[in-house]
Amino acid sequence: MGSAVAFNAKRKGILSFVNLTGTISNTTTITNLYWGMNISEYDEEQWYGDPNKLAKMIAGNYPKVYYNNLKALQLDSSTNLNPSFVLSHYNKLVNKK
């Protein structure tokens, strides 16, 4: 799911809201969701691309970059997440420029 959000953001998609009510049960799951938003050119070629081009990629195609254009992430109240978790703060931490 995280990679889908990242690929959408990288390609200037319109996905800005995700409802994950009932699917996130712990902090590990949400952490994995956000780590999935770190993608490389290699990951993108695996997702969309041509296997021949993928085989020719070099080390410069492997560094991961964080992409996320979500404005809202809906979670239900039964999740055991840190109540101070704020999506925009997380985005600022991983997008230090």
C-alpha atoms as a PDB file:
ATOM      1  CA  MET A   1       0.000   0.000   0.000  1.00  0.00           C
ATOM      2  CA  GLY A   2       2.822   2.387   0.861  1.00  0.00           C
ATOM      3  CA  SER A   3       4.471   1.848  -2.504  1.00  0.00           C
ATOM      4  CA  ALA A   4       1.180   2.514  -4.299  1.00  0.00           C
ATOM      5  CA  VAL A   5       0.886   5.844  -2.457  1.00  0.00           C
ATOM      6  CA  ALA A   6       4.490   6.693  -3.356  1.00  0.00           C
ATOM      7  CA  PHE A   7       4.162   5.818  -7.046  1.00  0.00           C
ATOM      8  CA  ASN A   8       0.964   7.857  -7.223  1.00  0.00           C
ATOM      9  CA  ALA A   9       2.696  10.857  -5.621  1.00  0.00           C
ATOM     10  CA  LYS A  10       5.768  10.565  -7.850  1.00  0.00           C
ATOM     11  CA  ARG A  11       3.602  10.568 -10.973  1.00  0.00           C
ATOM     12  CA  LYS A  12       1.635  13.593  -9.725  1.00  0.00           C
ATOM     13  CA  GLY A  13      -1.475  11.499  -9.060  1.00  0.00           C
ATOM     14  CA  ILE A  14      -4.561  12.764  -7.288  1.00  0.00           C
ATOM     15  CA  LEU A  15      -4.673  10.286  -4.399  1.00  0.00           C
ATOM     16  CA  SER A  16      -4.885  12.429  -1.267  1.00  0.00           C
ATOM     17  CA  PHE A  17      -7.077  10.395   1.107  1.00  0.00           C
ATOM     18  CA  VAL A  18      -6.749   6.790   2.250  1.00  0.00           C
ATOM     19  CA  ASN A  19      -9.198   5.065   4.582  1.00  0.00           C
ATOM     20  CA  LEU A  20      -7.498   2.236   6.456  1.00  0.00           C
ATOM     21  CA  THR A  21     -10.181   1.771   9.096  1.00  0.00           C
ATOM     22  CA  GLY A  22      -9.896  -1.737  10.491  1.00  0.00           C
ATOM     23  CA  THR A  23      -6.626  -2.581   8.739  1.00  0.00           C
ATOM     24  CA  ILE A  24      -3.928  -1.063  10.965  1.00  0.00           C
ATOM     25  CA  SER A  25      -3.579  -2.965  14.241  1.00  0.00           C
ATOM     26  CA  ASN A  26      -0.193  -1.819  15.562  1.00  0.00           C
ATOM     27  CA  THR A  27       2.657   0.618  15.095  1.00  0.00           C
ATOM     28  CA  THR A  28       4.714  -1.912  13.127  1.00  0.00           C
ATOM     29  CA  THR A  29       2.051  -2.035  10.433  1.00  0.00           C
ATOM     30  CA  ILE A  30       1.917   1.741  10.053  1.00  0.00           C
ATOM     31  CA  THR A  31       5.709   1.939  10.117  1.00  0.00           C
ATOM     32  CA  ASN A  32       5.865  -0.590   7.272  1.00  0.00           C
ATOM     33  CA  LEU A  33       3.243   1.429   5.387  1.00  0.00           C
ATOM     34  CA  TYR A  34       5.410   4.539   5.611  1.00  0.00           C
ATOM     35  CA  TRP A  35       8.666   2.733   4.804  1.00  0.00           C
ATOM     36  CA  GLY A  36       6.899   1.470   1.684  1.00  0.00           C
ATOM     37  CA  MET A  37       6.618   5.095   0.594  1.00  0.00           C
ATOM     38  CA  ASN A  38      10.384   5.124   0.064  1.00  0.00           C
ATOM     39  CA  ILE A  39      10.900   4.042  -3.524  1.00  0.00           C
ATOM     40  CA  SER A  40      13.739   3.944  -6.015  1.00  0.00           C
ATOM     41  CA  GLU A  41      13.911   4.049  -9.794  1.00  0.00           C
ATOM     42  CA  TYR A  42      14.502   0.291  -9.611  1.00  0.00           C
ATOM     43  CA  ASP A  43      11.285  -0.182  -7.601  1.00  0.00           C
ATOM     44  CA  GLU A  44       9.375   1.934 -10.100  1.00  0.00           C
ATOM     45  CA  GLU A  45      10.677  -0.112 -13.006  1.00  0.00           C
ATOM     46  CA  GLN A  46       9.650  -3.308 -11.195  1.00  0.00           C
ATOM     47  CA  TRP A  47       6.150  -1.859 -10.668  1.00  0.00           C
ATOM     48  CA  TYR A  48       5.502  -0.392 -14.126  1.00  0.00           C
ATOM     49  CA  GLY A  49       8.336  -1.305 -16.353  1.00  0.00           C
ATOM     50  CA  ASP A  50      10.110  -3.465 -18.801  1.00  0.00           C
ATOM     51  CA  PRO A  51      12.093  -6.469 -17.460  1.00  0.00           C
ATOM     52  CA  ASN A  52      14.862  -5.813 -20.002  1.00  0.00           C
ATOM     53  CA  LYS A  53      15.347  -2.257 -18.761  1.00  0.00           C
ATOM     54  CA  LEU A  54      15.222  -3.509 -15.172  1.00  0.00           C
ATOM     55  CA  ALA A  55      18.088  -5.936 -15.840  1.00  0.00           C
ATOM     56  CA  LYS A  56      20.266  -3.083 -17.163  1.00  0.00           C
ATOM     57  CA  MET A  57      19.841  -0.783 -14.161  1.00  0.00           C
ATOM     58  CA  ILE A  58      22.936   0.327 -12.245  1.00  0.00           C
ATOM     59  CA  ALA A  59      23.626   1.149  -8.596  1.00  0.00           C
ATOM     60  CA  GLY A  60      22.550   4.758  -9.142  1.00  0.00           C
ATOM     61  CA  ASN A  61      19.004   3.495  -9.675  1.00  0.00           C
ATOM     62  CA  TYR A  62      18.737   1.937  -6.199  1.00  0.00           C
ATOM     63  CA  PRO A  63      18.691   4.863  -3.713  1.00  0.00           C
ATOM     64  CA  LYS A  64      15.218   5.300  -2.246  1.00  0.00           C
ATOM     65  CA  VAL A  65      13.334   8.599  -2.021  1.00  0.00           C
ATOM     66  CA  TYR A  66      10.228   9.270   0.086  1.00  0.00           C
ATOM     67  CA  TYR A  67       7.047  10.214  -1.816  1.00  0.00           C
ATOM     68  CA  ASN A  68       3.689  10.956  -0.221  1.00  0.00           C
ATOM     69  CA  ASN A  69       0.986  13.419  -1.272  1.00  0.00           C
ATOM     70  CA  LEU A  70      -1.647  12.289   1.234  1.00  0.00           C
ATOM     71  CA  LYS A  71      -3.586  15.000   2.999  1.00  0.00           C
ATOM     72  CA  ALA A  72      -5.520  12.548   5.186  1.00  0.00           C
ATOM     73  CA  LEU A  73      -5.056   9.025   6.445  1.00  0.00           C
ATOM     74  CA  GLN A  74      -8.165   7.620   8.140  1.00  0.00           C
ATOM     75  CA  LEU A  75      -7.597   5.100  10.935  1.00  0.00           C
ATOM     76  CA  ASP A  76     -10.144   3.698  13.342  1.00  0.00           C
ATOM     77  CA  SER A  77     -10.021   4.410  17.066  1.00  0.00           C
ATOM     78  CA  SER A  78      -9.101   0.847  18.027  1.00  0.00           C
ATOM     79  CA  THR A  79      -5.550   1.090  16.718  1.00  0.00           C
ATOM     80  CA  ASN A  80      -2.714   1.107  19.216  1.00  0.00           C
ATOM     81  CA  LEU A  81      -0.827   4.005  17.704  1.00  0.00           C
ATOM     82  CA  ASN A  82       0.905   6.812  19.480  1.00  0.00           C
ATOM     83  CA  PRO A  83      -1.836   9.445  19.946  1.00  0.00           C
ATOM     84  CA  SER A  84       0.629  12.196  19.091  1.00  0.00           C
ATOM     85  CA  PHE A  85       1.292  10.777  15.615  1.00  0.00           C
ATOM     86  CA  VAL A  86       0.731  13.510  13.011  1.00  0.00           C
ATOM     87  CA  LEU A  87       1.138  12.732   9.293  1.00  0.00           C
ATOM     88  CA  SER A  88       2.498  16.186   8.419  1.00  0.00           C
ATOM     89  CA  HIS A  89       5.160  15.946  11.151  1.00  0.00           C
ATOM     90  CA  TYR A  90       6.217  12.540   9.876  1.00  0.00           C
ATOM     91  CA  ASN A  91       6.437  13.894   6.332  1.00  0.00           C
ATOM     92  CA  LYS A  92       8.696  16.737   7.518  1.00  0.00           C
ATOM     93  CA  LEU A  93      10.994  14.289   9.317  1.00  0.00           C
ATOM     94  CA  VAL A  94      11.535  12.046   6.317  1.00  0.00           C
ATOM     95  CA  ASN A  95      11.600  14.862   3.743  1.00  0.00           C
ATOM     96  CA  LYS A  96      14.422  16.904   5.237  1.00  0.00           C
ATOM     97  CA  LYS A  97      15.820  19.023   2.429  1.00  0.00           C
END
